[in-house]
Amino acid sequence: MVGMNPPKWATDAQALMDAAVRMDWSRGPAAVDEISRLIAAFTRDHGNQLLVALREWVDHAKFETGFEPHDGQKPSLEPIDVSTGATLSLDAVPAGMLWAGRFLAAGFGDDREEQRALIDTLCSDLFPEQDFRDAVVATLRLSAEMVRTGLGPQDTTVPEAAWAPEARTLFAAAAREHWHGPDGALELLQRFSTEHGTPAVIGAMKGWCRQARGLIANDVPGEPAYPGWRSTSTDDELAADEVPPAARWAGRFIAAVWNDDEDQARALLGSLRSSAELTECVIETLKTATAFVPDPRG
């Protein structure tokens, strides 16, 4: 009987999985740093085989859990707050973890085409290097957790982004029209941007847009959204070229998020040429989104 030895990269990929299964993830950043060093060593030795290893880890997890889609339905990503059990907005989930969840869902659903598309996204210039690293760590970590526990993706939880509670506080302040002074929306926005950076600001903006959509979901038909503007003094409809650029941008961005049009949202973000433009558009987006909050005074 003649056997074949697996290639070195496959052996090392399995060793990485074994290390992740044994890892004490309660150590937090220390555990992430340790597994990141092991991943970096794998990449140094095997290069793009890391992308194949991602699929191997997910396949291994699917095998160990014995997962089969129920009634032929494909699994979907539904992040859960581990402390409350509440479903989280996707914008409250770090980009790397969100990618990992989608990649796992595609793998467990045997959707190789979706996995290839996600790999293309992961390797594109639009996906920041830190998010790439986070996505790889999250895929390995979630897969290893399933191998260790034998639980399938329906039992997997995703932690909320650290900045999400502050984004909700910011939205609430703007909804109360508390813009200036201590703990006003403008001060909170400046603090939020300084502490968490531009990726978190963009994630928060998308969350505000979806929060606004949720407030009127029962009052509007499930059709594509289109931006529109009205005069605050006369309530007359205005053409796009009759409103300030930031307000025009905010209307288009909110429509893109409501329509789940990620390409349009990305194009709008790419059109901003300075941090000053971004700040102005963030404020206009927040103002517009909070305008959908019902006035408690009736």
Protein backbone atom coordinates (compact mmCIF):
# COMPACT_ATOMS: atom_id res chain seq x y z
CA MET A 1 0.00 0.00 0.00
CA VAL A 2 1.48 3.32 -1.05
CA GLY A 3 0.68 6.46 0.97
CA MET A 4 1.24 10.12 0.28
CA ASN A 5 2.53 12.63 2.78
CA PRO A 6 0.58 15.91 2.95
CA PRO A 7 2.46 19.01 1.77
CA LYS A 8 4.35 20.96 4.40
CA TRP A 9 1.92 23.90 4.26
CA ALA A 10 -1.01 21.59 5.06
CA THR A 11 0.81 20.12 8.04
CA ASP A 12 1.65 23.59 9.30
CA ALA A 13 -1.95 24.76 8.74
CA GLN A 14 -3.19 21.87 10.89
CA ALA A 15 -0.62 22.75 13.54
CA LEU A 16 -2.00 26.28 13.56
CA MET A 17 -5.53 24.93 14.03
CA ASP A 18 -4.33 22.72 16.90
CA ALA A 19 -2.66 25.73 18.54
CA ALA A 20 -5.86 27.78 18.21
CA VAL A 21 -7.94 24.95 19.72
CA ARG A 22 -5.60 24.82 22.73
CA MET A 23 -5.39 28.61 23.06
CA ASP A 24 -6.82 30.25 26.17
CA TRP A 25 -8.70 33.04 24.37
CA SER A 26 -9.74 34.57 27.70
CA ARG A 27 -6.22 36.07 27.73
CA GLY A 28 -7.58 38.63 25.26
CA PRO A 29 -4.99 40.64 23.30
CA ALA A 30 -2.15 38.40 24.53
CA ALA A 31 -3.80 35.36 22.94
CA VAL A 32 -4.47 37.28 19.71
CA ASP A 33 -0.84 38.43 19.57
CA GLU A 34 0.42 34.88 20.09
CA ILE A 35 -1.73 33.36 17.35
CA SER A 36 -0.91 36.33 15.07
CA ARG A 37 2.80 35.55 15.40
CA LEU A 38 2.13 31.94 14.41
CA ILE A 39 0.09 33.08 11.39
CA ALA A 40 2.86 35.49 10.38
CA ALA A 41 5.38 32.63 10.51
CA PHE A 42 3.08 30.47 8.36
CA THR A 43 2.73 33.29 5.81
CA ARG A 44 6.48 33.83 5.75
CA ASP A 45 7.04 30.13 5.00
CA HIS A 46 4.11 29.43 2.68
CA GLY A 47 2.88 32.75 1.24
CA ASN A 48 -0.52 32.61 -0.47
CA GLN A 49 -1.18 29.10 0.80
CA LEU A 50 -2.65 31.00 3.75
CA LEU A 51 -5.72 31.63 1.58
CA VAL A 52 -6.11 27.89 1.03
CA ALA A 53 -5.58 27.29 4.76
CA LEU A 54 -8.55 29.56 5.50
CA ARG A 55 -10.83 27.21 3.56
CA GLU A 56 -9.21 24.16 5.17
CA TRP A 57 -9.89 25.50 8.67
CA VAL A 58 -13.54 26.12 7.87
CA ASP A 59 -13.92 22.69 6.25
CA HIS A 60 -12.32 21.10 9.31
CA ALA A 61 -14.78 22.90 11.59
CA LYS A 62 -17.73 21.80 9.45
CA PHE A 63 -16.59 18.19 9.58
CA GLU A 64 -16.04 18.22 13.35
CA THR A 65 -19.47 19.73 14.05
CA GLY A 66 -21.28 17.42 11.64
CA PHE A 67 -23.16 20.46 10.37
CA GLU A 68 -25.75 20.02 7.62
CA PRO A 69 -27.91 22.91 6.36
CA HIS A 70 -31.48 22.56 7.62
CA ASP A 71 -33.93 21.75 4.81
CA GLY A 72 -31.32 22.75 2.29
CA GLN A 73 -31.12 26.31 3.61
CA LYS A 74 -27.72 27.95 3.72
CA PRO A 75 -26.44 29.28 7.05
CA SER A 76 -26.41 33.04 7.47
CA LEU A 77 -24.47 35.43 9.64
CA GLU A 78 -26.37 36.71 12.66
CA PRO A 79 -23.96 38.22 15.21
CA ILE A 80 -25.07 37.97 18.83
CA ASP A 81 -23.95 40.05 21.83
CA VAL A 82 -22.43 37.45 24.16
CA SER A 83 -23.45 39.41 27.26
CA THR A 84 -27.12 40.07 26.42
CA GLY A 85 -28.02 37.58 23.70
CA ALA A 86 -29.35 40.44 21.56
CA THR A 87 -28.80 40.47 17.80
CA LEU A 88 -26.23 43.07 16.81
CA SER A 89 -26.24 45.44 13.88
CA LEU A 90 -23.61 44.28 11.38
CA ASP A 91 -22.06 47.75 11.61
CA ALA A 92 -21.31 47.08 15.30
CA VAL A 93 -19.08 44.13 14.32
CA PRO A 94 -15.38 44.71 13.49
CA ALA A 95 -14.67 44.39 9.76
CA GLY A 96 -12.33 41.42 10.16
CA MET A 97 -14.79 39.49 12.33
CA LEU A 98 -17.63 40.33 9.93
CA TRP A 99 -15.60 38.95 6.99
CA ALA A 100 -14.80 35.79 8.98
CA GLY A 101 -18.46 35.24 9.81
CA ARG A 102 -19.46 35.55 6.17
CA PHE A 103 -16.62 33.27 5.07
CA LEU A 104 -17.65 30.63 7.60
CA ALA A 105 -21.31 30.88 6.56
CA ALA A 106 -20.30 30.40 2.91
CA GLY A 107 -18.10 27.43 3.79
CA PHE A 108 -20.75 25.72 5.91
CA GLY A 109 -23.23 26.28 3.07
CA ASP A 110 -20.82 24.77 0.49
CA ASP A 111 -20.89 28.05 -1.44
CA ARG A 112 -17.43 28.04 -3.01
CA GLU A 113 -18.31 30.90 -5.34
CA GLU A 114 -19.12 33.15 -2.37
CA GLN A 115 -15.93 32.07 -0.64
CA ARG A 116 -13.90 32.99 -3.74
CA ALA A 117 -15.61 36.38 -3.87
CA LEU A 118 -14.80 36.97 -0.20
CA ILE A 119 -11.18 35.99 -0.80
CA ASP A 120 -11.03 38.52 -3.66
CA THR A 121 -12.39 41.19 -1.29
CA LEU A 122 -9.87 40.21 1.38
CA CYS A 123 -6.98 40.61 -1.08
CA SER A 124 -8.18 43.86 -2.67
CA ASP A 125 -6.62 47.26 -2.04
CA LEU A 126 -9.94 48.37 -0.49
CA PHE A 127 -9.50 45.97 2.44
CA PRO A 128 -7.08 47.53 4.98
CA GLU A 129 -4.08 45.48 6.05
CA GLN A 130 -5.16 45.44 9.71
CA ASP A 131 -8.63 44.18 8.73
CA PHE A 132 -6.91 41.45 6.67
CA ARG A 133 -4.97 40.28 9.71
CA ASP A 134 -8.05 40.49 11.91
CA ALA A 135 -10.07 38.46 9.39
CA VAL A 136 -7.51 35.65 9.32
CA VAL A 137 -7.27 35.52 13.13
CA ALA A 138 -11.08 35.58 13.47
CA THR A 139 -11.55 32.79 10.90
CA LEU A 140 -9.03 30.60 12.69
CA ARG A 141 -10.41 31.46 16.12
CA LEU A 142 -14.07 30.80 15.24
CA SER A 143 -13.19 27.59 13.38
CA ALA A 144 -11.08 26.39 16.31
CA GLU A 145 -13.87 27.17 18.76
CA MET A 146 -16.25 25.01 16.74
CA VAL A 147 -13.71 22.19 16.62
CA ARG A 148 -13.17 22.43 20.37
CA THR A 149 -16.85 22.55 21.32
CA GLY A 150 -18.44 20.60 18.47
CA LEU A 151 -21.03 23.38 18.13
CA GLY A 152 -22.06 24.60 14.69
CA PRO A 153 -22.37 28.18 13.41
CA GLN A 154 -25.87 28.66 14.81
CA ASP A 155 -24.29 28.61 18.28
CA THR A 156 -21.42 30.97 17.44
CA THR A 157 -21.40 34.45 18.95
CA VAL A 158 -19.61 37.56 17.70
CA PRO A 159 -18.48 40.29 20.09
CA GLU A 160 -19.74 43.82 19.62
CA ALA A 161 -17.22 46.40 18.45
CA ALA A 162 -15.70 48.31 21.38
CA TRP A 163 -16.86 51.61 19.90
CA ALA A 164 -20.52 50.63 19.32
CA PRO A 165 -21.91 51.89 22.68
CA GLU A 166 -20.27 55.28 22.12
CA ALA A 167 -21.77 55.45 18.62
CA ARG A 168 -25.22 54.86 20.11
CA THR A 169 -24.62 57.58 22.72
CA LEU A 170 -23.60 59.97 19.94
CA PHE A 171 -26.77 59.18 17.99
CA ALA A 172 -28.91 59.73 21.08
CA ALA A 173 -27.30 63.13 21.77
CA ALA A 174 -27.91 64.26 18.19
CA ALA A 175 -31.50 62.97 18.31
CA ARG A 176 -32.07 65.22 21.35
CA GLU A 177 -30.56 68.08 19.30
CA HIS A 178 -27.87 68.37 21.94
CA TRP A 179 -25.12 69.43 19.55
CA HIS A 180 -22.99 71.86 21.55
CA GLY A 181 -21.41 72.01 24.98
CA PRO A 182 -20.12 69.21 27.24
CA ASP A 183 -21.19 65.79 25.99
CA GLY A 184 -22.89 67.40 23.01
CA ALA A 185 -22.90 65.47 19.74
CA LEU A 186 -20.07 67.53 18.20
CA GLU A 187 -17.80 67.04 21.21
CA LEU A 188 -18.67 63.33 21.35
CA LEU A 189 -17.94 62.99 17.61
CA GLN A 190 -14.52 64.61 18.00
CA ARG A 191 -13.68 62.32 20.91
CA PHE A 192 -15.00 59.27 19.05
CA SER A 193 -12.92 60.04 15.96
CA THR A 194 -9.75 60.64 17.98
CA GLU A 195 -10.07 57.46 20.04
CA HIS A 196 -11.31 55.03 17.40
CA GLY A 197 -10.23 56.36 14.00
CA THR A 198 -11.83 56.69 10.59
CA PRO A 199 -12.89 53.01 10.10
CA ALA A 200 -14.99 53.21 13.28
CA VAL A 201 -16.51 56.53 12.19
CA ILE A 202 -17.56 54.96 8.89
CA GLY A 203 -18.98 51.93 10.69
CA ALA A 204 -20.88 54.22 13.06
CA MET A 205 -22.31 56.21 10.14
CA LYS A 206 -23.66 53.05 8.53
CA GLY A 207 -25.13 52.03 11.88
CA TRP A 208 -26.91 55.38 12.23
CA CYS A 209 -28.36 55.00 8.73
CA ARG A 210 -29.68 51.52 9.48
CA GLN A 211 -31.03 52.68 12.81
CA ALA A 212 -33.00 55.39 10.98
CA ARG A 213 -34.27 52.83 8.48
CA GLY A 214 -35.47 50.65 11.35
CA LEU A 215 -37.46 53.56 12.78
CA ILE A 216 -39.59 53.86 9.63
CA ALA A 217 -39.50 50.25 8.39
CA ASN A 218 -43.21 49.77 9.03
CA ASP A 219 -44.18 52.99 7.24
CA VAL A 220 -42.45 52.55 3.91
CA PRO A 221 -42.67 49.86 1.20
CA GLY A 222 -39.77 47.50 0.69
CA GLU A 223 -38.58 49.29 -2.44
CA PRO A 224 -35.25 50.93 -3.29
CA ALA A 225 -34.62 54.22 -1.50
CA TYR A 226 -33.81 57.39 -3.44
CA PRO A 227 -32.35 60.56 -1.95
CA GLY A 228 -34.54 63.63 -1.80
CA TRP A 229 -34.27 67.06 -0.22
CA ARG A 230 -36.75 69.64 1.05
CA SER A 231 -36.43 73.26 2.10
CA THR A 232 -36.62 73.62 5.89
CA SER A 233 -38.42 76.95 5.48
CA THR A 234 -40.98 76.15 2.77
CA ASP A 235 -41.02 72.32 2.68
CA ASP A 236 -40.64 72.54 -1.11
CA GLU A 237 -38.71 69.79 -2.87
CA LEU A 238 -35.19 70.76 -3.90
CA ALA A 239 -33.00 69.51 -6.72
CA ALA A 240 -29.65 67.98 -5.84
CA ASP A 241 -27.76 71.05 -7.08
CA GLU A 242 -29.84 73.29 -4.79
CA VAL A 243 -28.53 71.77 -1.54
CA PRO A 244 -25.08 72.08 0.05
CA PRO A 245 -22.57 69.42 -1.07
CA ALA A 246 -22.39 67.73 2.35
CA ALA A 247 -26.18 67.44 2.59
CA ARG A 248 -26.30 66.06 -0.96
CA TRP A 249 -23.59 63.52 -0.07
CA ALA A 250 -25.40 62.49 3.14
CA GLY A 251 -28.67 61.86 1.30
CA ARG A 252 -26.93 59.68 -1.26
CA PHE A 253 -24.96 57.81 1.40
CA ILE A 254 -28.07 57.05 3.48
CA ALA A 255 -29.87 55.79 0.36
CA ALA A 256 -26.90 53.55 -0.47
CA VAL A 257 -26.86 52.05 3.03
CA TRP A 258 -30.64 51.54 3.04
CA ASN A 259 -30.36 49.77 -0.31
CA ASP A 260 -27.42 47.65 0.92
CA ASP A 261 -25.46 49.06 -2.01
CA GLU A 262 -21.93 48.66 -0.69
CA ASP A 263 -20.35 49.64 -4.02
CA GLN A 264 -22.14 53.01 -4.01
CA ALA A 265 -21.34 53.61 -0.33
CA ARG A 266 -17.68 52.85 -1.01
CA ALA A 267 -17.65 55.15 -4.04
CA LEU A 268 -19.14 58.00 -2.00
CA LEU A 269 -16.55 57.52 0.73
CA GLY A 270 -13.82 57.43 -1.91
CA SER A 271 -15.02 60.76 -3.31
CA LEU A 272 -14.05 62.60 -0.11
CA ARG A 273 -10.70 64.28 -0.52
CA SER A 274 -9.90 65.51 2.99
CA SER A 275 -10.62 64.88 6.65
CA ALA A 276 -12.52 68.18 6.72
CA GLU A 277 -14.87 66.92 3.98
CA LEU A 278 -15.36 63.66 5.84
CA THR A 279 -16.17 65.46 9.10
CA GLU A 280 -18.72 67.70 7.38
CA CYS A 281 -20.40 64.73 5.70
CA VAL A 282 -20.43 62.71 8.95
CA ILE A 283 -22.23 65.56 10.72
CA GLU A 284 -24.77 65.92 7.89
CA THR A 285 -25.36 62.15 7.88
CA LEU A 286 -25.93 62.19 11.64
CA LYS A 287 -28.32 65.15 11.36
CA THR A 288 -30.31 63.49 8.59
CA ALA A 289 -30.45 60.07 10.26
CA THR A 290 -31.61 61.47 13.59
CA ALA A 291 -34.33 63.48 11.83
CA PHE A 292 -36.22 60.18 11.53
CA VAL A 293 -36.39 59.83 15.34
CA PRO A 294 -39.95 60.68 16.50
CA ASP A 295 -40.26 63.87 18.58
CA PRO A 296 -41.14 62.72 22.14
CA ARG A 297 -43.23 65.89 22.49
CA GLY A 298 -45.52 64.65 19.73
